[in-house]
PDB file of N, CA and C in Angstrom:
ATOM      1  N   UNK A   1     108.093   5.169  81.566  1.00  0.00           N
ATOM      2  CA  UNK A   1     107.872   6.381  80.810  1.00  0.00           C
ATOM      3  C   UNK A   1     106.887   7.282  81.533  1.00  0.00           C
ATOM      4  N   UNK A   2     107.251   8.532  81.643  1.00  0.00           N
ATOM      5  CA  UNK A   2     106.336   9.481  82.269  1.00  0.00           C
ATOM      6  C   UNK A   2     105.769  10.387  81.188  1.00  0.00           C
ATOM      7  N   UNK A   3     104.513  10.634  81.288  1.00  0.00           N
ATOM      8  CA  UNK A   3     103.841  11.494  80.304  1.00  0.00           C
ATOM      9  C   UNK A   3     103.503  12.852  80.899  1.00  0.00           C
ATOM     10  N   UNK A   4     103.782  13.048  82.160  1.00  0.00           N
ATOM     11  CA  UNK A   4     103.423  14.315  82.781  1.00  0.00           C
ATOM     12  C   UNK A   4     104.250  15.474  82.242  1.00  0.00           C
ATOM     13  N   UNK A   5     105.507  15.252  81.889  1.00  0.00           N
ATOM     14  CA  UNK A   5     106.346  16.329  81.344  1.00  0.00           C
ATOM     15  C   UNK A   5     105.835  16.810  80.002  1.00  0.00           C
ATOM     16  N   UNK A   6     105.456  15.927  79.129  1.00  0.00           N
ATOM     17  CA  UNK A   6     104.940  16.294  77.811  1.00  0.00           C
ATOM     18  C   UNK A   6     103.577  16.965  77.938  1.00  0.00           C
ATOM     19  N   UNK A   7     102.747  16.458  78.828  1.00  0.00           N
ATOM     20  CA  UNK A   7     101.428  17.071  79.022  1.00  0.00           C
ATOM     21  C   UNK A   7     101.546  18.477  79.591  1.00  0.00           C
ATOM     22  N   UNK A   8     102.504  18.688  80.486  1.00  0.00           N
ATOM     23  CA  UNK A   8     102.721  20.021  81.053  1.00  0.00           C
ATOM     24  C   UNK A   8     103.157  21.017  79.994  1.00  0.00           C
ATOM     25  N   UNK A   9     104.043  20.573  79.104  1.00  0.00           N
ATOM     26  CA  UNK A   9     104.514  21.445  78.023  1.00  0.00           C
ATOM     27  C   UNK A   9     103.373  21.757  77.067  1.00  0.00           C
ATOM     28  N   UNK A  10     102.581  20.743  76.752  1.00  0.00           N
ATOM     29  CA  UNK A  10     101.437  20.977  75.861  1.00  0.00           C
ATOM     30  C   UNK A  10     100.436  21.926  76.498  1.00  0.00           C
ATOM     31  N   UNK A  11     100.232  21.809  77.793  1.00  0.00           N
ATOM     32  CA  UNK A  11      99.293  22.692  78.481  1.00  0.00           C
ATOM     33  C   UNK A  11      99.772  24.136  78.414  1.00  0.00           C
ATOM     34  N   UNK A  12     101.057  24.347  78.671  1.00  0.00           N
ATOM     35  CA  UNK A  12     101.593  25.708  78.599  1.00  0.00           C
ATOM     36  C   UNK A  12     101.564  26.248  77.171  1.00  0.00           C
ATOM     37  N   UNK A  13     101.822  25.377  76.205  1.00  0.00           N
ATOM     38  CA  UNK A  13     101.764  25.792  74.797  1.00  0.00           C
ATOM     39  C   UNK A  13     100.333  26.191  74.434  1.00  0.00           C
ATOM     40  N   UNK A  14      99.357  25.421  74.923  1.00  0.00           N
ATOM     41  CA  UNK A  14      97.953  25.759  74.675  1.00  0.00           C
ATOM     42  C   UNK A  14      97.575  27.089  75.292  1.00  0.00           C
ATOM     43  N   UNK A  15      98.061  27.332  76.502  1.00  0.00           N
ATOM     44  CA  UNK A  15      97.789  28.622  77.167  1.00  0.00           C
ATOM     45  C   UNK A  15      98.432  29.765  76.392  1.00  0.00           C
ATOM     46  N   UNK A  16      99.663  29.551  75.935  1.00  0.00           N
ATOM     47  CA  UNK A  16     100.362  30.597  75.184  1.00  0.00           C
ATOM     48  C   UNK A  16      99.627  30.911  73.883  1.00  0.00           C
ATOM     49  N   UNK A  17      99.180  29.880  73.170  1.00  0.00           N
ATOM     50  CA  UNK A  17      98.443  30.095  71.921  1.00  0.00           C
ATOM     51  C   UNK A  17      97.137  30.839  72.208  1.00  0.00           C
ATOM     52  N   UNK A  18      96.451  30.464  73.271  1.00  0.00           N
ATOM     53  CA  UNK A  18      95.195  31.120  73.633  1.00  0.00           C
ATOM     54  C   UNK A  18      95.427  32.589  73.954  1.00  0.00           C
ATOM     55  N   UNK A  19      96.481  32.874  74.700  1.00  0.00           N
ATOM     56  CA  UNK A  19      96.805  34.261  75.043  1.00  0.00           C
ATOM     57  C   UNK A  19      97.131  35.059  73.786  1.00  0.00           C
ATOM     58  N   UNK A  20      97.896  34.494  72.888  1.00  0.00           N
ATOM     59  CA  UNK A  20      98.247  35.198  71.647  1.00  0.00           C
ATOM     60  C   UNK A  20      97.007  35.458  70.779  1.00  0.00           C
ATOM     61  N   UNK A  21      96.141  34.465  70.678  1.00  0.00           N
ATOM     62  CA  UNK A  21      94.913  34.662  69.901  1.00  0.00           C
ATOM     63  C   UNK A  21      94.019  35.728  70.538  1.00  0.00           C
ATOM     64  N   UNK A  22      93.930  35.710  71.852  1.00  0.00           N
ATOM     65  CA  UNK A  22      93.122  36.714  72.544  1.00  0.00           C
ATOM     66  C   UNK A  22      93.707  38.114  72.341  1.00  0.00           C
ATOM     67  N   UNK A  23      95.036  38.228  72.423  1.00  0.00           N
ATOM     68  CA  UNK A  23      95.683  39.533  72.213  1.00  0.00           C
ATOM     69  C   UNK A  23      95.437  40.022  70.783  1.00  0.00           C
ATOM     70  N   UNK A  24      95.513  39.106  69.817  1.00  0.00           N
ATOM     71  CA  UNK A  24      95.246  39.488  68.429  1.00  0.00           C
ATOM     72  C   UNK A  24      93.808  39.931  68.237  1.00  0.00           C
ATOM     73  N   UNK A  25      92.872  39.205  68.853  1.00  0.00           N
ATOM     74  CA  UNK A  25      91.456  39.575  68.726  1.00  0.00           C
ATOM     75  C   UNK A  25      91.183  40.935  69.358  1.00  0.00           C
ATOM     76  N   UNK A  26      91.790  41.194  70.508  1.00  0.00           N
ATOM     77  CA  UNK A  26      91.594  42.487  71.171  1.00  0.00           C
ATOM     78  C   UNK A  26      92.176  43.610  70.319  1.00  0.00           C
ATOM     79  N   UNK A  27      93.329  43.353  69.703  1.00  0.00           N
ATOM     80  CA  UNK A  27      93.955  44.371  68.847  1.00  0.00           C
ATOM     81  C   UNK A  27      93.060  44.684  67.649  1.00  0.00           C
ATOM     82  N   UNK A  28      92.522  43.647  67.028  1.00  0.00           N
ATOM     83  CA  UNK A  28      91.636  43.858  65.874  1.00  0.00           C
ATOM     84  C   UNK A  28      90.377  44.604  66.303  1.00  0.00           C
ATOM     85  N   UNK A  29      89.797  44.196  67.419  1.00  0.00           N
ATOM     86  CA  UNK A  29      88.590  44.859  67.906  1.00  0.00           C
ATOM     87  C   UNK A  29      88.867  46.322  68.221  1.00  0.00           C
ATOM     88  N   UNK A  30      90.012  46.612  68.816  1.00  0.00           N
ATOM     89  CA  UNK A  30      90.394  47.988  69.124  1.00  0.00           C
ATOM     90  C   UNK A  30      90.473  48.817  67.845  1.00  0.00           C
ATOM     91  N   UNK A  31      91.028  48.231  66.786  1.00  0.00           N
ATOM     92  CA  UNK A  31      91.107  48.937  65.506  1.00  0.00           C
ATOM     93  C   UNK A  31      89.732  49.225  64.935  1.00  0.00           C
ATOM     94  N   UNK A  32      88.827  48.260  65.044  1.00  0.00           N
ATOM     95  CA  UNK A  32      87.461  48.459  64.532  1.00  0.00           C
ATOM     96  C   UNK A  32      86.767  49.568  65.302  1.00  0.00           C
ATOM     97  N   UNK A  33      86.886  49.543  66.630  1.00  0.00           N
ATOM     98  CA  UNK A  33      86.246  50.567  67.460  1.00  0.00           C
ATOM     99  C   UNK A  33      86.830  51.940  67.152  1.00  0.00           C
ATOM    100  N   UNK A  34      88.133  52.010  66.997  1.00  0.00           N
ATOM    101  CA  UNK A  34      88.784  53.292  66.693  1.00  0.00           C
ATOM    102  C   UNK A  34      88.305  53.832  65.339  1.00  0.00           C
ATOM    103  N   UNK A  35      88.184  52.962  64.353  1.00  0.00           N
ATOM    104  CA  UNK A  35      87.712  53.390  63.031  1.00  0.00           C
ATOM    105  C   UNK A  35      86.279  53.913  63.117  1.00  0.00           C
ATOM    106  N   UNK A  36      85.431  53.226  63.856  1.00  0.00           N
ATOM    107  CA  UNK A  36      84.045  53.683  64.016  1.00  0.00           C
ATOM    108  C   UNK A  36      83.997  55.032  64.720  1.00  0.00           C
ATOM    109  N   UNK A  37      84.816  55.203  65.741  1.00  0.00           N
ATOM    110  CA  UNK A  37      84.838  56.488  66.456  1.00  0.00           C
ATOM    111  C   UNK A  37      85.322  57.613  65.555  1.00  0.00           C
ATOM    112  N   UNK A  38      86.270  57.316  64.673  1.00  0.00           N
ATOM    113  CA  UNK A  38      86.726  58.330  63.717  1.00  0.00           C
ATOM    114  C   UNK A  38      85.587  58.745  62.793  1.00  0.00           C
ATOM    115  N   UNK A  39      84.780  57.770  62.344  1.00  0.00           N
ATOM    116  CA  UNK A  39      83.641  58.085  61.488  1.00  0.00           C
ATOM    117  C   UNK A  39      82.625  58.946  62.232  1.00  0.00           C
ATOM    118  N   UNK A  40      82.382  58.621  63.486  1.00  0.00           N
ATOM    119  CA  UNK A  40      81.439  59.398  64.286  1.00  0.00           C
ATOM    120  C   UNK A  40      81.950  60.821  64.466  1.00  0.00           C
ATOM    121  N   UNK A  41      83.251  60.957  64.725  1.00  0.00           N
ATOM    122  CA  UNK A  41      83.834  62.286  64.907  1.00  0.00           C
ATOM    123  C   UNK A  41      83.697  63.128  63.640  1.00  0.00           C
ATOM    124  N   UNK A  42      83.960  62.519  62.488  1.00  0.00           N
ATOM    125  CA  UNK A  42      83.822  63.251  61.222  1.00  0.00           C
ATOM    126  C   UNK A  42      82.376  63.692  61.000  1.00  0.00           C
ATOM    127  N   UNK A  43      81.433  62.809  61.292  1.00  0.00           N
ATOM    128  CA  UNK A  43      80.015  63.154  61.109  1.00  0.00           C
ATOM    129  C   UNK A  43      79.595  64.266  62.062  1.00  0.00           C
ATOM    130  N   UNK A  44      80.088  64.220  63.306  1.00  0.00           N
ATOM    131  CA  UNK A  44      79.773  65.292  64.250  1.00  0.00           C
ATOM    132  C   UNK A  44      80.345  66.625  63.777  1.00  0.00           C
ATOM    133  N   UNK A  45      81.552  66.598  63.216  1.00  0.00           N
ATOM    134  CA  UNK A  45      82.123  67.826  62.669  1.00  0.00           C
ATOM    135  C   UNK A  45      81.253  68.371  61.536  1.00  0.00           C
ATOM    136  N   UNK A  46      80.764  67.470  60.667  1.00  0.00           N
ATOM    137  CA  UNK A  46      79.877  67.909  59.586  1.00  0.00           C
ATOM    138  C   UNK A  46      78.592  68.516  60.144  1.00  0.00           C
ATOM    139  N   UNK A  47      78.039  67.906  61.175  1.00  0.00           N
ATOM    140  CA  UNK A  47      76.812  68.431  61.774  1.00  0.00           C
ATOM    141  C   UNK A  47      77.040  69.791  62.411  1.00  0.00           C
ATOM    142  N   UNK A  48      78.193  69.992  63.023  1.00  0.00           N
ATOM    143  CA  UNK A  48      78.514  71.286  63.624  1.00  0.00           C
ATOM    144  C   UNK A  48      78.577  72.359  62.541  1.00  0.00           C
ATOM    145  N   UNK A  49      79.218  72.041  61.420  1.00  0.00           N
ATOM    146  CA  UNK A  49      79.308  73.005  60.320  1.00  0.00           C
ATOM    147  C   UNK A  49      77.913  73.329  59.788  1.00  0.00           C
ATOM    148  N   UNK A  50      77.078  72.289  59.629  1.00  0.00           N
ATOM    149  CA  UNK A  50      75.711  72.522  59.149  1.00  0.00           C
ATOM    150  C   UNK A  50      74.913  73.363  60.141  1.00  0.00           C
ATOM    151  N   UNK A  51      75.088  73.120  61.421  1.00  0.00           N
ATOM    152  CA  UNK A  51      74.362  73.890  62.434  1.00  0.00           C
ATOM    153  C   UNK A  51      74.777  75.354  62.398  1.00  0.00           C
ATOM    154  N   UNK A  52      76.052  75.614  62.212  1.00  0.00           N
ATOM    155  CA  UNK A  52      76.518  77.008  62.124  1.00  0.00           C
ATOM    156  C   UNK A  52      75.927  77.701  60.904  1.00  0.00           C
ATOM    157  N   UNK A  53      75.884  76.994  59.788  1.00  0.00           N
ATOM    158  CA  UNK A  53      75.315  77.577  58.574  1.00  0.00           C
ATOM    159  C   UNK A  53      73.831  77.875  58.772  1.00  0.00           C
ATOM    160  N   UNK A  54      73.119  76.934  59.388  1.00  0.00           N
ATOM    161  CA  UNK A  54      71.694  77.162  59.638  1.00  0.00           C
ATOM    162  C   UNK A  54      71.477  78.336  60.580  1.00  0.00           C
ATOM    163  N   UNK A  55      72.342  78.461  61.591  1.00  0.00           N
ATOM    164  CA  UNK A  55      72.203  79.574  62.531  1.00  0.00           C
ATOM    165  C   UNK A  55      72.389  80.908  61.819  1.00  0.00           C
ATOM    166  N   UNK A  56      73.379  80.989  60.927  1.00  0.00           N
ATOM    167  CA  UNK A  56      73.583  82.256  60.215  1.00  0.00           C
ATOM    168  C   UNK A  56      72.412  82.546  59.275  1.00  0.00           C
ATOM    169  N   UNK A  57      71.860  81.505  58.637  1.00  0.00           N
ATOM    170  CA  UNK A  57      70.684  81.716  57.794  1.00  0.00           C
ATOM    171  C   UNK A  57      69.493  82.181  58.629  1.00  0.00           C
ATOM    172  N   UNK A  58      69.319  81.578  59.788  1.00  0.00           N
ATOM    173  CA  UNK A  58      68.230  81.965  60.687  1.00  0.00           C
ATOM    174  C   UNK A  58      68.369  83.427  61.114  1.00  0.00           C
ATOM    175  N   UNK A  59      69.595  83.851  61.432  1.00  0.00           N
ATOM    176  CA  UNK A  59      69.815  85.241  61.826  1.00  0.00           C
ATOM    177  C   UNK A  59      69.536  86.193  60.672  1.00  0.00           C
ATOM    178  N   UNK A  60      69.897  85.785  59.459  1.00  0.00           N
ATOM    179  CA  UNK A  60      69.611  86.624  58.289  1.00  0.00           C
ATOM    180  C   UNK A  60      68.102  86.756  58.084  1.00  0.00           C
ATOM    181  N   UNK A  61      67.385  85.674  58.262  1.00  0.00           N
ATOM    182  CA  UNK A  61      65.917  85.735  58.135  1.00  0.00           C
ATOM    183  C   UNK A  61      65.334  86.627  59.224  1.00  0.00           C
ATOM    184  N   UNK A  62      65.850  86.518  60.446  1.00  0.00           N
ATOM    185  CA  UNK A  62      65.362  87.385  61.527  1.00  0.00           C
ATOM    186  C   UNK A  62      65.593  88.859  61.201  1.00  0.00           C
ATOM    187  N   UNK A  63      66.749  89.180  60.621  1.00  0.00           N
ATOM    188  CA  UNK A  63      67.029  90.573  60.243  1.00  0.00           C
ATOM    189  C   UNK A  63      66.035  91.047  59.184  1.00  0.00           C
ATOM    190  N   UNK A  64      65.757  90.199  58.206  1.00  0.00           N
ATOM    191  CA  UNK A  64      64.809  90.580  57.155  1.00  0.00           C
ATOM    192  C   UNK A  64      63.412  90.783  57.724  1.00  0.00           C
ATOM    193  N   UNK A  65      62.987  89.885  58.583  1.00  0.00           N
ATOM    194  CA  UNK A  65      61.658  90.009  59.191  1.00  0.00           C
ATOM    195  C   UNK A  65      61.593  91.273  60.038  1.00  0.00           C
ATOM    196  N   UNK A  66      62.633  91.541  60.789  1.00  0.00           N
ATOM    197  CA  UNK A  66      62.665  92.739  61.616  1.00  0.00           C
ATOM    198  C   UNK A  66      62.565  93.995  60.745  1.00  0.00           C
ATOM    199  N   UNK A  67      63.289  94.000  59.632  1.00  0.00           N
ATOM    200  CA  UNK A  67      63.234  95.141  58.716  1.00  0.00           C
ATOM    201  C   UNK A  67      61.816  95.313  58.160  1.00  0.00           C
ATOM    202  N   UNK A  68      61.216  94.189  57.745  1.00  0.00           N
ATOM    203  CA  UNK A  68      59.858  94.265  57.190  1.00  0.00           C
ATOM    204  C   UNK A  68      58.847  94.685  58.244  1.00  0.00           C
ATOM    205  N   UNK A  69      59.011  94.235  59.483  1.00  0.00           N
ATOM    206  CA  UNK A  69      58.104  94.662  60.549  1.00  0.00           C
ATOM    207  C   UNK A  69      58.243  96.157  60.805  1.00  0.00           C
ATOM    208  N   UNK A  70      59.455  96.639  60.728  1.00  0.00           N
ATOM    209  CA  UNK A  70      59.676  98.079  60.898  1.00  0.00           C
ATOM    210  C   UNK A  70      59.014  98.871  59.793  1.00  0.00           C
ATOM    211  N   UNK A  71      59.115  98.402  58.567  1.00  0.00           N
ATOM    212  CA  UNK A  71      58.462  99.084  57.446  1.00  0.00           C
ATOM    213  C   UNK A  71      56.947  99.017  57.598  1.00  0.00           C
ATOM    214  N   UNK A  72      56.435  97.896  58.069  1.00  0.00           N
ATOM    215  CA  UNK A  72      55.007  97.730  58.243  1.00  0.00           C
ATOM    216  C   UNK A  72      54.481  98.665  59.332  1.00  0.00           C
ATOM    217  N   UNK A  73      55.267  98.878  60.360  1.00  0.00           N
ATOM    218  CA  UNK A  73      54.854  99.751  61.457  1.00  0.00           C
ATOM    219  C   UNK A  73      55.115 101.221  61.168  1.00  0.00           C
ATOM    220  N   UNK A  74      55.650 101.535  60.020  1.00  0.00           N
ATOM    221  CA  UNK A  74      55.820 102.920  59.613  1.00  0.00           C
ATOM    222  C   UNK A  74      57.149 103.532  59.976  1.00  0.00           C
ATOM    223  N   UNK A  75      58.102 102.752  60.378  1.00  0.00           N
ATOM    224  CA  UNK A  75      59.421 103.307  60.706  1.00  0.00           C
ATOM    225  C   UNK A  75      60.173 103.610  59.421  1.00  0.00           C
ATOM    226  N   UNK A  76      61.109 104.542  59.520  1.00  0.00           N
ATOM    227  CA  UNK A  76      61.920 104.872  58.364  1.00  0.00           C
ATOM    228  C   UNK A  76      62.905 103.737  58.086  1.00  0.00           C
ATOM    229  N   UNK A  77      63.309 103.565  56.847  1.00  0.00           N
ATOM    230  CA  UNK A  77      64.234 102.485  56.498  1.00  0.00           C
ATOM    231  C   UNK A  77      65.551 102.564  57.260  1.00  0.00           C
ATOM    232  N   UNK A  78      65.954 103.795  57.657  1.00  0.00           N
ATOM    233  CA  UNK A  78      67.222 103.913  58.387  1.00  0.00           C
ATOM    234  C   UNK A  78      67.043 103.667  59.871  1.00  0.00           C
ATOM    235  N   UNK A  79      65.827 103.389  60.328  1.00  0.00           N
ATOM    236  CA  UNK A  79      65.572 103.034  61.702  1.00  0.00           C
ATOM    237  C   UNK A  79      65.423 104.206  62.669  1.00  0.00           C
ATOM    238  N   UNK A  80      65.179 105.422  62.134  1.00  0.00           N
ATOM    239  CA  UNK A  80      65.084 106.599  63.019  1.00  0.00           C
ATOM    240  C   UNK A  80      63.660 107.042  63.246  1.00  0.00           C
ATOM    241  N   UNK A  81      62.781 106.116  63.571  1.00  0.00           N
ATOM    242  CA  UNK A  81      61.412 106.505  63.922  1.00  0.00           C
ATOM    243  C   UNK A  81      60.494 106.564  62.729  1.00  0.00           C
ATOM    244  N   UNK A  82      59.407 107.326  62.863  1.00  0.00           N
ATOM    245  CA  UNK A  82      58.397 107.400  61.818  1.00  0.00           C
ATOM    246  C   UNK A  82      58.862 108.349  60.726  1.00  0.00           C
ATOM    247  N   UNK A  83      58.378 108.158  59.502  1.00  0.00           N
ATOM    248  CA  UNK A  83      58.796 109.009  58.379  1.00  0.00           C
ATOM    249  C   UNK A  83      58.263 110.416  58.459  1.00  0.00           C
TER     250      UNK A  83
END
C-alpha cells in the first residue's frame, strides 16, 4: 500500500482551502476598506460645504466692517467720498 497518493491529494486540497480562505478574507477586507473610504469621502464633502458657508459669512462680515469703517472715516454711505 502506498500512502503518497493520498497525502499528495490532501496536500493539494489543503492548499486549495487555504487559497479560498485567503481570497475570501481579502474580499471582506476590501469591502471594509471601501466602506471606510466612502465614509471619509462623505465627511470631506460635508467639510467642503461648511467651509464654503464660513467663507461667505466671513466675506459678509468683511463687507459690514468695511462699510462701518467708511462711515467712521466720514465717507458717504454711497461711497463717493466725504459728505
